[in-house]
PDB file of N, CA and C in Angstrom:
ATOM      1  N   MET A   1     109.783 100.714  54.243  1.00  0.00           N
ATOM      2  CA  MET A   1     108.341  99.829  54.026  1.00  0.00           C
ATOM      3  C   MET A   1     108.521  98.322  53.651  1.00  0.00           C
ATOM      4  N   LYS A   2     107.351  97.434  53.766  1.00  0.00           N
ATOM      5  CA  LYS A   2     107.615  96.064  54.088  1.00  0.00           C
ATOM      6  C   LYS A   2     106.184  96.127  52.788  1.00  0.00           C
ATOM      7  N   ASN A   3     107.092  95.088  51.972  1.00  0.00           N
ATOM      8  CA  ASN A   3     105.769  94.361  50.897  1.00  0.00           C
ATOM      9  C   ASN A   3     105.553  93.310  51.644  1.00  0.00           C
ATOM     10  N   ILE A   4     104.204  93.100  52.038  1.00  0.00           N
ATOM     11  CA  ILE A   4     103.611  92.069  52.829  1.00  0.00           C
ATOM     12  C   ILE A   4     102.555  90.950  51.813  1.00  0.00           C
ATOM     13  N   SER A   5     102.450  91.589  50.976  1.00  0.00           N
ATOM     14  CA  SER A   5     101.720  91.142  49.405  1.00  0.00           C
ATOM     15  C   SER A   5     101.720  91.827  48.273  1.00  0.00           C
ATOM     16  N   GLU A   6     101.616  91.133  47.192  1.00  0.00           N
ATOM     17  CA  GLU A   6     101.656  92.196  45.805  1.00  0.00           C
ATOM     18  C   GLU A   6     100.656  92.785  46.322  1.00  0.00           C
ATOM     19  N   ASN A   7      99.692  92.996  47.227  1.00  0.00           N
ATOM     20  CA  ASN A   7      98.480  94.106  46.970  1.00  0.00           C
ATOM     21  C   ASN A   7      98.589  94.900  48.102  1.00  0.00           C
ATOM     22  N   VAL A   8      99.417  94.728  48.930  1.00  0.00           N
ATOM     23  CA  VAL A   8      99.532  95.484  50.315  1.00  0.00           C
ATOM     24  C   VAL A   8     100.938  95.789  50.479  1.00  0.00           C
ATOM     25  N   LEU A   9     101.123  97.155  50.818  1.00  0.00           N
ATOM     26  CA  LEU A   9     102.502  97.612  50.997  1.00  0.00           C
ATOM     27  C   LEU A   9     102.224  98.431  52.527  1.00  0.00           C
ATOM     28  N   VAL A  10     103.027  97.817  53.114  1.00  0.00           N
ATOM     29  CA  VAL A  10     102.940  98.507  54.488  1.00  0.00           C
ATOM     30  C   VAL A  10     103.833  99.762  55.107  1.00  0.00           C
ATOM     31  N   MET A  11     103.437 100.806  55.323  1.00  0.00           N
ATOM     32  CA  MET A  11     104.891 102.016  55.492  1.00  0.00           C
ATOM     33  C   MET A  11     104.768 102.296  56.961  1.00  0.00           C
ATOM     34  N   GLU A  12     105.793 102.084  57.673  1.00  0.00           N
ATOM     35  CA  GLU A  12     105.885 102.568  59.166  1.00  0.00           C
ATOM     36  C   GLU A  12     106.653 103.883  59.235  1.00  0.00           C
ATOM     37  N   LYS A  13     105.838 104.624  60.023  1.00  0.00           N
ATOM     38  CA  LYS A  13     105.936 105.518  60.483  1.00  0.00           C
ATOM     39  C   LYS A  13     106.689 105.882  62.007  1.00  0.00           C
ATOM     40  N   GLU A  14     107.868 106.317  62.459  1.00  0.00           N
ATOM     41  CA  GLU A  14     108.352 106.403  63.576  1.00  0.00           C
ATOM     42  C   GLU A  14     107.976 107.069  64.779  1.00  0.00           C
ATOM     43  N   HIS A  15     107.303 107.236  65.382  1.00  0.00           N
ATOM     44  CA  HIS A  15     106.643 108.034  66.016  1.00  0.00           C
ATOM     45  C   HIS A  15     107.570 108.103  67.791  1.00  0.00           C
ATOM     46  N   LYS A  16     108.324 109.737  67.707  1.00  0.00           N
ATOM     47  CA  LYS A  16     109.555 109.616  68.545  1.00  0.00           C
ATOM     48  C   LYS A  16     108.579 110.915  69.133  1.00  0.00           C
ATOM     49  N   ASN A  17     108.033 110.776  70.269  1.00  0.00           N
ATOM     50  CA  ASN A  17     107.289 112.079  70.983  1.00  0.00           C
ATOM     51  C   ASN A  17     107.625 112.185  72.574  1.00  0.00           C
ATOM     52  N   ALA A  18     107.584 113.158  73.107  1.00  0.00           N
ATOM     53  CA  ALA A  18     108.204 113.174  74.185  1.00  0.00           C
ATOM     54  C   ALA A  18     106.622 113.063  75.358  1.00  0.00           C
ATOM     55  N   SER A  19     105.544 112.906  74.463  1.00  0.00           N
ATOM     56  CA  SER A  19     104.212 113.026  74.790  1.00  0.00           C
ATOM     57  C   SER A  19     103.757 111.335  75.211  1.00  0.00           C
ATOM     58  N   ALA A  20     104.504 110.789  74.206  1.00  0.00           N
ATOM     59  CA  ALA A  20     103.665 109.409  74.263  1.00  0.00           C
ATOM     60  C   ALA A  20     103.271 108.450  75.415  1.00  0.00           C
ATOM     61  N   HIS A  21     102.999 107.243  75.694  1.00  0.00           N
ATOM     62  CA  HIS A  21     102.899 106.855  76.210  1.00  0.00           C
ATOM     63  C   HIS A  21     104.345 105.764  76.789  1.00  0.00           C
ATOM     64  N   LYS A  22     105.043 105.709  78.258  1.00  0.00           N
ATOM     65  CA  LYS A  22     106.611 105.319  78.379  1.00  0.00           C
ATOM     66  C   LYS A  22     106.138 104.004  78.952  1.00  0.00           C
ATOM     67  N   ASP A  23     104.871 103.163  78.949  1.00  0.00           N
ATOM     68  CA  ASP A  23     104.930 102.196  79.503  1.00  0.00           C
ATOM     69  C   ASP A  23     103.717 101.450  78.546  1.00  0.00           C
ATOM     70  N   LEU A  24     103.262 100.558  79.278  1.00  0.00           N
ATOM     71  CA  LEU A  24     101.813  99.623  78.299  1.00  0.00           C
ATOM     72  C   LEU A  24     100.863 100.627  78.551  1.00  0.00           C
ATOM     73  N   VAL A  25     100.310 100.534  77.651  1.00  0.00           N
ATOM     74  CA  VAL A  25      98.577 100.961  76.946  1.00  0.00           C
ATOM     75  C   VAL A  25      97.617 100.588  77.298  1.00  0.00           C
ATOM     76  N   THR A  26      96.957 100.758  78.362  1.00  0.00           N
ATOM     77  CA  THR A  26      95.762  99.747  78.868  1.00  0.00           C
ATOM     78  C   THR A  26      94.706 100.133  78.171  1.00  0.00           C
ATOM     79  N   GLY A  27      93.997 101.065  77.337  1.00  0.00           N
ATOM     80  CA  GLY A  27      92.574 101.575  76.967  1.00  0.00           C
ATOM     81  C   GLY A  27      92.843 102.497  76.228  1.00  0.00           C
ATOM     82  N   ILE A  28      92.124 102.103  75.184  1.00  0.00           N
ATOM     83  CA  ILE A  28      92.067 103.230  74.070  1.00  0.00           C
ATOM     84  C   ILE A  28      90.462 103.514  73.382  1.00  0.00           C
ATOM     85  N   TRP A  29      89.732 104.789  73.549  1.00  0.00           N
ATOM     86  CA  TRP A  29      88.533 105.096  73.565  1.00  0.00           C
ATOM     87  C   TRP A  29      88.312 106.315  72.652  1.00  0.00           C
ATOM     88  N   ASN A  30      87.626 106.267  71.448  1.00  0.00           N
ATOM     89  CA  ASN A  30      87.592 106.971  70.537  1.00  0.00           C
ATOM     90  C   ASN A  30      86.335 107.913  70.877  1.00  0.00           C
ATOM     91  N   LEU A  31      86.833 109.372  71.022  1.00  0.00           N
ATOM     92  CA  LEU A  31      86.081 110.342  71.550  1.00  0.00           C
ATOM     93  C   LEU A  31      85.101 110.959  70.413  1.00  0.00           C
ATOM     94  N   ASN A  32      85.973 111.157  69.200  1.00  0.00           N
ATOM     95  CA  ASN A  32      84.861 111.994  68.245  1.00  0.00           C
ATOM     96  C   ASN A  32      85.912 111.713  67.010  1.00  0.00           C
ATOM     97  N   ASP A  33      85.627 112.258  65.895  1.00  0.00           N
ATOM     98  CA  ASP A  33      86.369 111.979  64.730  1.00  0.00           C
ATOM     99  C   ASP A  33      87.689 112.644  64.396  1.00  0.00           C
ATOM    100  N   GLN A  34      87.951 113.751  65.184  1.00  0.00           N
ATOM    101  CA  GLN A  34      89.021 114.329  65.281  1.00  0.00           C
ATOM    102  C   GLN A  34      89.713 113.582  66.828  1.00  0.00           C
ATOM    103  N   GLU A  35      89.229 113.152  67.519  1.00  0.00           N
ATOM    104  CA  GLU A  35      90.253 112.924  68.800  1.00  0.00           C
ATOM    105  C   GLU A  35      89.753 111.111  69.520  1.00  0.00           C
ATOM    106  N   PHE A  36      90.908 110.797  70.074  1.00  0.00           N
ATOM    107  CA  PHE A  36      90.483 109.219  70.612  1.00  0.00           C
ATOM    108  C   PHE A  36      91.349 109.566  72.283  1.00  0.00           C
ATOM    109  N   LEU A  37      90.943 109.054  73.040  1.00  0.00           N
ATOM    110  CA  LEU A  37      91.769 108.617  74.651  1.00  0.00           C
ATOM    111  C   LEU A  37      92.646 107.980  74.858  1.00  0.00           C
ATOM    112  N   THR A  38      93.868 107.690  75.442  1.00  0.00           N
ATOM    113  CA  THR A  38      94.602 106.575  75.746  1.00  0.00           C
ATOM    114  C   THR A  38      94.993 106.403  77.094  1.00  0.00           C
ATOM    115  N   CYS A  39      95.213 105.489  77.996  1.00  0.00           N
ATOM    116  CA  CYS A  39      95.199 105.436  79.555  1.00  0.00           C
ATOM    117  C   CYS A  39      96.341 104.147  79.495  1.00  0.00           C
ATOM    118  N   GLY A  40      97.580 104.296  80.601  1.00  0.00           N
ATOM    119  CA  GLY A  40      98.156 103.535  80.421  1.00  0.00           C
ATOM    120  C   GLY A  40      98.814 103.643  81.723  1.00  0.00           C
ATOM    121  N   VAL A  41      99.919 102.473  81.872  1.00  0.00           N
ATOM    122  CA  VAL A  41     100.508 102.008  83.525  1.00  0.00           C
ATOM    123  C   VAL A  41     100.942 103.235  84.510  1.00  0.00           C
ATOM    124  N   GLU A  42     101.743 103.927  83.257  1.00  0.00           N
ATOM    125  CA  GLU A  42     102.732 104.962  83.403  1.00  0.00           C
ATOM    126  C   GLU A  42     102.069 106.221  84.162  1.00  0.00           C
ATOM    127  N   GLN A  43     100.703 105.860  84.891  1.00  0.00           N
ATOM    128  CA  GLN A  43      99.502 106.909  85.332  1.00  0.00           C
ATOM    129  C   GLN A  43      99.537 108.061  84.637  1.00  0.00           C
ATOM    130  N   SER A  44      98.754 108.184  83.178  1.00  0.00           N
ATOM    131  CA  SER A  44      98.332 109.083  82.748  1.00  0.00           C
ATOM    132  C   SER A  44      97.108 108.591  81.894  1.00  0.00           C
ATOM    133  N   LEU A  45      96.144 109.722  81.539  1.00  0.00           N
ATOM    134  CA  LEU A  45      95.083 110.165  80.558  1.00  0.00           C
ATOM    135  C   LEU A  45      96.048 110.632  79.778  1.00  0.00           C
ATOM    136  N   LYS A  46      95.129 110.319  78.120  1.00  0.00           N
ATOM    137  CA  LYS A  46      95.949 111.257  77.305  1.00  0.00           C
ATOM    138  C   LYS A  46      95.164 111.907  76.088  1.00  0.00           C
ATOM    139  N   ILE A  47      94.748 112.482  75.919  1.00  0.00           N
ATOM    140  CA  ILE A  47      94.060 112.672  74.519  1.00  0.00           C
ATOM    141  C   ILE A  47      94.625 113.079  73.365  1.00  0.00           C
ATOM    142  N   TRP A  48      94.296 112.599  72.129  1.00  0.00           N
ATOM    143  CA  TRP A  48      95.204 112.699  71.138  1.00  0.00           C
ATOM    144  C   TRP A  48      94.543 113.265  69.923  1.00  0.00           C
ATOM    145  N   ASP A  49      95.351 114.208  68.753  1.00  0.00           N
ATOM    146  CA  ASP A  49      94.488 114.747  67.564  1.00  0.00           C
ATOM    147  C   ASP A  49      94.656 113.626  66.791  1.00  0.00           C
ATOM    148  N   LYS A  50      94.081 113.263  65.877  1.00  0.00           N
ATOM    149  CA  LYS A  50      93.835 112.109  64.766  1.00  0.00           C
ATOM    150  C   LYS A  50      94.941 112.924  63.496  1.00  0.00           C
ATOM    151  N   SER A  51      94.189 114.568  63.406  1.00  0.00           N
ATOM    152  CA  SER A  51      94.476 114.836  62.248  1.00  0.00           C
ATOM    153  C   SER A  51      96.194 115.299  62.622  1.00  0.00           C
ATOM    154  N   LEU A  52      96.715 115.946  63.956  1.00  0.00           N
ATOM    155  CA  LEU A  52      98.147 116.192  63.574  1.00  0.00           C
ATOM    156  C   LEU A  52      98.773 115.110  64.112  1.00  0.00           C
ATOM    157  N   GLN A  53      98.252 113.828  64.508  1.00  0.00           N
ATOM    158  CA  GLN A  53      98.985 112.790  64.750  1.00  0.00           C
ATOM    159  C   GLN A  53     100.259 113.293  66.307  1.00  0.00           C
ATOM    160  N   SER A  54      99.084 113.498  67.042  1.00  0.00           N
ATOM    161  CA  SER A  54     100.077 114.054  68.811  1.00  0.00           C
ATOM    162  C   SER A  54      98.969 114.282  70.309  1.00  0.00           C
ATOM    163  N   CYS A  55      99.835 114.216  71.078  1.00  0.00           N
ATOM    164  CA  CYS A  55      98.945 113.990  72.027  1.00  0.00           C
ATOM    165  C   CYS A  55      98.640 115.979  72.571  1.00  0.00           C
ATOM    166  N   ASP A  56      97.267 115.700  72.646  1.00  0.00           N
ATOM    167  CA  ASP A  56      96.949 117.116  72.917  1.00  0.00           C
ATOM    168  C   ASP A  56      96.786 117.698  74.392  1.00  0.00           C
ATOM    169  N   TYR A  57      96.595 116.375  75.061  1.00  0.00           N
ATOM    170  CA  TYR A  57      96.609 116.564  76.903  1.00  0.00           C
ATOM    171  C   TYR A  57      96.456 115.957  77.528  1.00  0.00           C
ATOM    172  N   THR A  58      97.105 115.862  78.814  1.00  0.00           N
ATOM    173  CA  THR A  58      97.691 114.454  79.443  1.00  0.00           C
ATOM    174  C   THR A  58      97.130 114.885  81.159  1.00  0.00           C
ATOM    175  N   VAL A  59      96.388 113.787  81.655  1.00  0.00           N
ATOM    176  CA  VAL A  59      96.333 114.184  83.058  1.00  0.00           C
ATOM    177  C   VAL A  59      97.131 113.199  83.691  1.00  0.00           C
ATOM    178  N   GLU A  60      97.934 113.630  84.940  1.00  0.00           N
ATOM    179  CA  GLU A  60      98.537 112.537  85.372  1.00  0.00           C
ATOM    180  C   GLU A  60      97.866 112.160  86.867  1.00  0.00           C
ATOM    181  N   THR A  61      97.911 110.626  86.709  1.00  0.00           N
ATOM    182  CA  THR A  61      96.920 110.152  87.893  1.00  0.00           C
ATOM    183  C   THR A  61      98.071 110.287  89.217  1.00  0.00           C
ATOM    184  N   HIS A  62      97.291 108.897  90.438  1.00  0.00           N
ATOM    185  CA  HIS A  62      98.401 108.859  91.381  1.00  0.00           C
ATOM    186  C   HIS A  62      98.773 107.286  91.074  1.00  0.00           C
ATOM    187  N   LYS A  63      98.066 106.556  90.236  1.00  0.00           N
ATOM    188  CA  LYS A  63      98.420 105.288  90.246  1.00  0.00           C
ATOM    189  C   LYS A  63      98.333 104.602  88.906  1.00  0.00           C
ATOM    190  N   PRO A  64      98.851 103.705  88.748  1.00  0.00           N
ATOM    191  CA  PRO A  64      98.202 103.298  86.927  1.00  0.00           C
ATOM    192  C   PRO A  64      96.630 103.024  86.511  1.00  0.00           C
ATOM    193  N   LEU A  65      96.864 103.424  85.354  1.00  0.00           N
ATOM    194  CA  LEU A  65      95.074 102.861  84.940  1.00  0.00           C
ATOM    195  C   LEU A  65      95.383 101.439  84.114  1.00  0.00           C
ATOM    196  N   TYR A  66      94.342 100.331  84.373  1.00  0.00           N
ATOM    197  CA  TYR A  66      94.696  99.490  84.264  1.00  0.00           C
ATOM    198  C   TYR A  66      93.414  99.158  83.072  1.00  0.00           C
ATOM    199  N   THR A  67      92.083  99.591  83.205  1.00  0.00           N
ATOM    200  CA  THR A  67      90.718  99.641  82.501  1.00  0.00           C
ATOM    201  C   THR A  67      89.797 100.870  82.208  1.00  0.00           C
ATOM    202  N   MET A  68      89.148 101.108  81.133  1.00  0.00           N
ATOM    203  CA  MET A  68      88.462 101.987  81.226  1.00  0.00           C
ATOM    204  C   MET A  68      87.544 101.879  80.604  1.00  0.00           C
ATOM    205  N   ALA A  69      86.444 102.707  80.877  1.00  0.00           N
ATOM    206  CA  ALA A  69      84.995 102.753  80.141  1.00  0.00           C
ATOM    207  C   ALA A  69      84.183 104.388  80.374  1.00  0.00           C
ATOM    208  N   VAL A  70      83.874 104.244  79.227  1.00  0.00           N
ATOM    209  CA  VAL A  70      82.469 105.276  79.090  1.00  0.00           C
ATOM    210  C   VAL A  70      81.536 104.536  79.164  1.00  0.00           C
ATOM    211  N   THR A  71      80.463 105.603  80.096  1.00  0.00           N
ATOM    212  CA  THR A  71      79.163 105.375  80.067  1.00  0.00           C
ATOM    213  C   THR A  71      78.085 106.309  79.822  1.00  0.00           C
ATOM    214  N   GLY A  72      77.024 106.135  80.909  1.00  0.00           N
ATOM    215  CA  GLY A  72      75.924 107.274  80.879  1.00  0.00           C
ATOM    216  C   GLY A  72      74.862 107.237  79.569  1.00  0.00           C
ATOM    217  N   GLU A  73      73.884 107.492  79.988  1.00  0.00           N
ATOM    218  CA  GLU A  73      73.101 107.836  78.537  1.00  0.00           C
ATOM    219  C   GLU A  73      73.731 108.862  77.343  1.00  0.00           C
ATOM    220  N   ARG A  74      74.575 109.781  77.396  1.00  0.00           N
ATOM    221  CA  ARG A  74      75.072 110.396  76.544  1.00  0.00           C
ATOM    222  C   ARG A  74      76.316 109.972  76.162  1.00  0.00           C
ATOM    223  N   GLY A  75      76.805 108.996  76.879  1.00  0.00           N
ATOM    224  CA  GLY A  75      78.626 108.722  76.363  1.00  0.00           C
ATOM    225  C   GLY A  75      79.265 109.424  77.432  1.00  0.00           C
ATOM    226  N   ASP A  76      79.031 110.752  78.371  1.00  0.00           N
ATOM    227  CA  ASP A  76      79.647 111.451  78.611  1.00  0.00           C
ATOM    228  C   ASP A  76      80.752 111.306  79.696  1.00  0.00           C
ATOM    229  N   ILE A  77      80.430 109.992  80.153  1.00  0.00           N
ATOM    230  CA  ILE A  77      80.683 109.655  81.631  1.00  0.00           C
ATOM    231  C   ILE A  77      81.843 108.871  81.543  1.00  0.00           C
ATOM    232  N   MET A  78      83.274 109.325  82.016  1.00  0.00           N
ATOM    233  CA  MET A  78      84.128 108.136  82.062  1.00  0.00           C
ATOM    234  C   MET A  78      85.105 107.480  83.100  1.00  0.00           C
ATOM    235  N   ILE A  79      85.186 106.395  83.148  1.00  0.00           N
ATOM    236  CA  ILE A  79      85.464 105.733  84.183  1.00  0.00           C
ATOM    237  C   ILE A  79      86.806 105.151  83.972  1.00  0.00           C
ATOM    238  N   ALA A  80      87.525 104.879  84.853  1.00  0.00           N
ATOM    239  CA  ALA A  80      89.504 104.462  84.748  1.00  0.00           C
ATOM    240  C   ALA A  80      89.409 103.734  86.331  1.00  0.00           C
ATOM    241  N   SER A  81      90.098 102.729  86.106  1.00  0.00           N
ATOM    242  CA  SER A  81      90.082 101.717  87.103  1.00  0.00           C
ATOM    243  C   SER A  81      91.645 101.706  87.491  1.00  0.00           C
ATOM    244  N   LEU A  82      92.014 101.729  88.737  1.00  0.00           N
ATOM    245  CA  LEU A  82      93.114 101.881  89.051  1.00  0.00           C
ATOM    246  C   LEU A  82      93.893 100.473  89.667  1.00  0.00           C
ATOM    247  N   GLY A  83      93.101  99.427  89.034  1.00  0.00           N
ATOM    248  CA  GLY A  83      93.495  98.004  89.549  1.00  0.00           C
ATOM    249  C   GLY A  83      93.081  97.400  90.486  1.00  0.00           C
TER     250      GLY A  83
END
């Protein structure tokens, strides 16, 4: 624990999860109240469960992902850039 001021206390939680990104995370997108999506240069998209604090699903890609965006009238189309 770190005390950064008298009103703020930072508790660090160490995450050692085999599902975690192994390299630079290049995009984060909030999907809903329970899940968010990440992409990274180690060639994967990951869906994370906020309440369980773990990765639910991994999609492997053939090249590193450098950016991502969600579009469409309902926000249901995801675009990832391979650089």
